Amino acid sequence: MAENESNIEKLDQIQRAQRQNMNACGEAGDKDGMLLHYANVADTYDTFKDLPGWEQGRKNVALALHSVKPGYNARILDCGAATGQTAEEIIKLGYTNIDGLDMSMDMLRVAERKGLFKNIICDTIDGVHNTKIADDSYDVVVCNGTFMPGQMDQTSFPELTRITKSGGFIIFSVSFKYLHEWKLFKNGQLDSEMKKYVSAGKWKKVEQETLNYWEDEQAVYYTVYVA
């Protein structure tokens, strides 16, 4: 028992150090640094599933998807798929028509070995460029833990909307830390941008729910109804 607790503590220290490094790269806009970080952690990333509560955020997103009842044949994009941990939770609920998109091919290769995705896409939805994904491709796009420095922000909304079918859904989470402290989100900037999309008729509405996603940390889970 004591040995197991010691191993869990060491694993927790490792993931916190890795997250700190990832955040530092993101804040600095160091994409090469982030890709190197993901290359270094890809093969061991799934060991963090042994941490108590690690999967809660992924389960929250999967349950949010399930709640909108898209149909079990719905075409789904897991955006920021990493090694496929969110997809694993979605598959448990009966959905299997899933593509995975991530900036790191090293992470996607781990997911590919698990056979989770119909297609893998190494790209970013960063507001800088459009992906090669066709218009109106997906019934649901999920983004778990990707709205953060160096990855996604409100400039990602046009591309997310473009690739989601009319009547489809965009589901994403934002941690309280980033929502209230990151320069692009704090002071209600993210919510203000979402209201613009509703007012412009691009989105029907946005629902949100605050849930625990990791230990005592909370996140807001947004469900966007695309017009």
Protein backbone atom coordinates (compact mmCIF):
# COMPACT_ATOMS: atom_id res chain seq x y z
CA MET A 1 0.00 0.00 0.00
CA ALA A 2 2.75 2.44 1.01
CA GLU A 3 4.77 1.52 -2.07
CA ASN A 4 1.77 2.14 -4.31
CA GLU A 5 1.15 5.54 -2.70
CA SER A 6 4.81 6.40 -3.22
CA ASN A 7 4.58 5.47 -6.90
CA ILE A 8 1.44 7.54 -7.33
CA GLU A 9 3.14 10.50 -5.66
CA LYS A 10 6.15 10.21 -7.97
CA LEU A 11 3.88 9.95 -11.01
CA ASP A 12 1.99 13.04 -9.85
CA GLN A 13 5.24 14.98 -9.49
CA ILE A 14 6.29 13.96 -12.99
CA GLN A 15 3.03 15.05 -14.60
CA ARG A 16 3.06 18.38 -12.75
CA ALA A 17 6.60 19.08 -13.93
CA GLN A 18 5.64 18.15 -17.47
CA ARG A 19 2.55 20.34 -17.36
CA GLN A 20 4.65 23.26 -16.09
CA ASN A 21 7.04 22.80 -19.02
CA MET A 22 4.17 22.60 -21.49
CA ASN A 23 2.57 25.75 -20.07
CA ALA A 24 5.88 27.62 -20.26
CA CYS A 25 6.23 26.71 -23.95
CA GLY A 26 2.65 27.73 -24.61
CA GLU A 27 2.97 31.09 -22.86
CA ALA A 28 6.14 31.80 -24.85
CA GLY A 29 4.50 30.80 -28.14
CA ASP A 30 7.21 28.19 -28.58
CA LYS A 31 5.54 25.67 -30.90
CA ASP A 32 8.79 23.78 -31.50
CA GLY A 33 9.24 23.49 -27.75
CA MET A 34 5.72 22.11 -27.38
CA LEU A 35 6.28 19.56 -30.15
CA LEU A 36 9.53 18.47 -28.49
CA HIS A 37 7.70 18.18 -25.18
CA TYR A 38 5.02 15.95 -26.70
CA ALA A 39 7.62 13.85 -28.50
CA ASN A 40 9.36 13.25 -25.18
CA VAL A 41 6.23 12.27 -23.25
CA ALA A 42 4.17 10.44 -25.89
CA ASP A 43 5.21 6.89 -25.05
CA THR A 44 4.67 7.33 -21.29
CA TYR A 45 1.69 9.69 -21.34
CA ASP A 46 -0.88 6.96 -20.73
CA THR A 47 0.77 6.01 -17.43
CA PHE A 48 -0.90 9.10 -15.95
CA LYS A 49 -4.22 7.26 -16.17
CA ASP A 50 -3.11 5.58 -12.93
CA LEU A 51 -3.45 8.91 -11.12
CA PRO A 52 -6.69 9.23 -9.11
CA GLY A 53 -9.10 11.51 -10.93
CA TRP A 54 -6.94 11.81 -14.05
CA GLU A 55 -9.71 10.70 -16.41
CA GLN A 56 -12.47 12.89 -14.96
CA GLY A 57 -12.05 15.72 -17.45
CA ARG A 58 -12.22 13.29 -20.35
CA LYS A 59 -15.30 11.64 -18.90
CA ASN A 60 -16.95 15.06 -18.52
CA VAL A 61 -16.49 15.79 -22.23
CA ALA A 62 -17.73 12.34 -23.24
CA LEU A 63 -20.85 12.75 -21.10
CA ALA A 64 -21.47 16.22 -22.55
CA LEU A 65 -21.33 14.67 -26.03
CA HIS A 66 -23.70 11.90 -24.97
CA SER A 67 -26.15 14.42 -23.52
CA VAL A 68 -26.78 16.12 -26.87
CA LYS A 69 -27.80 12.76 -28.37
CA PRO A 70 -26.00 13.04 -31.73
CA GLY A 71 -26.72 9.43 -32.71
CA TYR A 72 -24.31 6.54 -32.42
CA ASN A 73 -23.24 6.87 -36.05
CA ALA A 74 -22.39 10.55 -35.61
CA ARG A 75 -19.13 11.67 -37.13
CA ILE A 76 -16.95 13.02 -34.32
CA LEU A 77 -13.65 14.90 -34.29
CA ASP A 78 -11.47 14.67 -31.19
CA CYS A 79 -9.49 17.90 -31.48
CA GLY A 80 -6.32 17.81 -29.42
CA ALA A 81 -6.63 14.05 -29.38
CA ALA A 82 -3.16 13.31 -27.98
CA THR A 83 -2.95 9.56 -27.27
CA GLY A 84 -6.71 9.12 -27.53
CA GLN A 85 -7.71 9.18 -23.87
CA THR A 86 -10.82 11.29 -24.51
CA ALA A 87 -11.78 9.06 -27.44
CA GLU A 88 -11.53 6.03 -25.15
CA GLU A 89 -14.20 7.55 -22.90
CA ILE A 90 -16.41 8.40 -25.88
CA ILE A 91 -16.08 4.86 -27.25
CA LYS A 92 -17.21 3.46 -23.89
CA LEU A 93 -20.51 5.25 -24.47
CA GLY A 94 -21.01 3.55 -27.84
CA TYR A 95 -19.63 6.06 -30.35
CA THR A 96 -16.98 4.75 -32.70
CA ASN A 97 -16.98 7.00 -35.79
CA ILE A 98 -14.19 9.23 -34.50
CA ASP A 99 -11.30 11.05 -36.15
CA GLY A 100 -8.38 12.37 -34.13
CA LEU A 101 -6.56 15.66 -34.70
CA ASP A 102 -3.45 16.75 -32.85
CA MET A 103 -0.40 18.93 -33.40
CA SER A 104 1.89 16.07 -32.35
CA MET A 105 2.38 13.11 -34.67
CA ASP A 106 4.19 11.34 -31.84
CA MET A 107 1.05 11.46 -29.72
CA LEU A 108 -1.16 10.41 -32.63
CA ARG A 109 1.03 7.38 -33.35
CA VAL A 110 0.30 6.10 -29.84
CA ALA A 111 -3.43 6.58 -30.46
CA GLU A 112 -3.11 4.92 -33.87
CA ARG A 113 -1.63 1.79 -32.30
CA LYS A 114 -4.76 1.52 -30.15
CA GLY A 115 -7.04 1.59 -33.22
CA LEU A 116 -9.25 4.34 -31.79
CA PHE A 117 -9.66 6.59 -34.80
CA LYS A 118 -10.99 6.20 -38.33
CA ASN A 119 -8.53 8.87 -39.46
CA ILE A 120 -5.72 10.77 -37.80
CA ILE A 121 -4.93 14.37 -38.74
CA CYS A 122 -1.69 16.04 -37.71
CA ASP A 123 -2.63 19.71 -37.68
CA THR A 124 -3.74 22.57 -35.46
CA ILE A 125 -6.89 24.65 -35.22
CA ASP A 126 -5.15 27.79 -34.11
CA GLY A 127 -6.77 30.68 -35.94
CA VAL A 128 -3.71 31.07 -38.16
CA HIS A 129 -4.66 28.76 -41.01
CA ASN A 130 -7.48 26.54 -42.20
CA THR A 131 -7.12 22.78 -42.03
CA LYS A 132 -7.74 20.61 -45.09
CA ILE A 133 -10.92 19.29 -43.46
CA ALA A 134 -13.96 19.87 -45.67
CA ASP A 135 -16.77 22.21 -44.65
CA ASP A 136 -19.57 20.67 -42.57
CA SER A 137 -17.65 17.46 -41.91
CA TYR A 138 -18.54 16.64 -38.31
CA ASP A 139 -21.67 16.23 -36.23
CA VAL A 140 -19.66 16.90 -33.07
CA VAL A 141 -16.23 18.39 -32.44
CA VAL A 142 -14.80 17.92 -28.94
CA CYS A 143 -11.81 19.77 -27.50
CA ASN A 144 -10.75 18.58 -24.07
CA GLY A 145 -8.11 20.67 -22.34
CA THR A 146 -6.91 22.32 -25.54
CA PHE A 147 -8.11 25.88 -24.92
CA MET A 148 -4.87 27.03 -23.36
CA PRO A 149 -1.71 29.01 -24.20
CA GLY A 150 0.00 27.83 -27.36
CA GLN A 151 -2.88 25.69 -28.56
CA MET A 152 -6.42 27.05 -28.99
CA ASP A 153 -8.29 30.23 -28.15
CA GLN A 154 -11.22 32.23 -29.50
CA THR A 155 -9.45 32.67 -32.85
CA SER A 156 -10.13 28.94 -33.34
CA PHE A 157 -13.90 29.53 -33.46
CA PRO A 158 -14.17 30.24 -37.21
CA GLU A 159 -12.44 26.98 -38.18
CA LEU A 160 -14.31 24.95 -35.56
CA THR A 161 -17.59 26.36 -36.90
CA ARG A 162 -16.63 25.76 -40.53
CA ILE A 163 -15.91 22.05 -40.06
CA THR A 164 -19.00 21.40 -37.91
CA LYS A 165 -22.29 20.61 -39.60
CA SER A 166 -25.26 22.92 -39.29
CA GLY A 167 -27.20 21.61 -36.31
CA GLY A 168 -24.03 20.05 -34.91
CA PHE A 169 -22.15 20.70 -31.71
CA ILE A 170 -18.78 22.00 -30.53
CA ILE A 171 -17.91 20.87 -27.01
CA PHE A 172 -14.85 22.25 -25.24
CA SER A 173 -13.46 22.79 -21.77
CA VAL A 174 -11.47 25.64 -20.24
CA SER A 175 -9.84 25.39 -16.84
CA PHE A 176 -10.61 28.09 -14.29
CA LYS A 177 -6.92 28.96 -14.20
CA TYR A 178 -6.80 29.87 -17.88
CA LEU A 179 -10.30 31.35 -17.96
CA HIS A 180 -9.48 33.86 -15.23
CA GLU A 181 -5.73 34.36 -15.59
CA TRP A 182 -4.67 33.96 -19.23
CA LYS A 183 -4.45 37.30 -21.03
CA LEU A 184 -6.62 36.15 -23.96
CA PHE A 185 -9.46 34.84 -21.77
CA LYS A 186 -9.56 36.86 -18.56
CA ASN A 187 -12.06 39.65 -17.90
CA GLY A 188 -14.74 37.81 -19.87
CA GLN A 189 -13.03 37.99 -23.26
CA LEU A 190 -13.85 34.39 -24.20
CA ASP A 191 -17.51 34.70 -23.21
CA SER A 192 -17.77 38.02 -25.06
CA GLU A 193 -16.52 36.42 -28.28
CA MET A 194 -19.00 33.56 -27.96
CA LYS A 195 -21.86 36.02 -27.55
CA LYS A 196 -20.83 37.62 -30.85
CA TYR A 197 -21.20 34.28 -32.62
CA VAL A 198 -24.68 33.83 -31.19
CA SER A 199 -25.68 37.41 -32.08
CA ALA A 200 -24.37 36.92 -35.63
CA GLY A 201 -26.51 33.81 -36.04
CA LYS A 202 -23.54 31.47 -36.50
CA TRP A 203 -24.36 29.67 -33.27
CA LYS A 204 -27.84 29.04 -31.89
CA LYS A 205 -26.80 29.08 -28.25
CA VAL A 206 -24.03 28.16 -25.81
CA GLU A 207 -24.60 26.13 -22.67
CA GLN A 208 -22.03 25.86 -19.92
CA GLU A 209 -21.43 23.82 -16.79
CA THR A 210 -18.71 24.05 -14.14
CA LEU A 211 -17.29 20.71 -13.04
CA ASN A 212 -14.25 19.29 -11.29
CA TYR A 213 -11.81 17.91 -13.84
CA TRP A 214 -8.69 17.09 -11.83
CA GLU A 215 -8.30 16.85 -8.05
CA ASP A 216 -9.66 20.17 -6.72
CA GLU A 217 -9.33 22.01 -10.03
CA GLN A 218 -12.43 23.10 -11.91
CA ALA A 219 -13.19 23.80 -15.54
CA VAL A 220 -16.08 25.24 -17.50
CA TYR A 221 -17.52 22.87 -20.09
CA TYR A 222 -19.13 24.64 -23.04
CA THR A 223 -21.60 23.10 -25.48
CA VAL A 224 -22.08 25.17 -28.63
CA TYR A 225 -25.16 24.56 -30.80
CA VAL A 226 -24.07 25.43 -34.33
CA ALA A 227 -26.70 27.18 -36.46
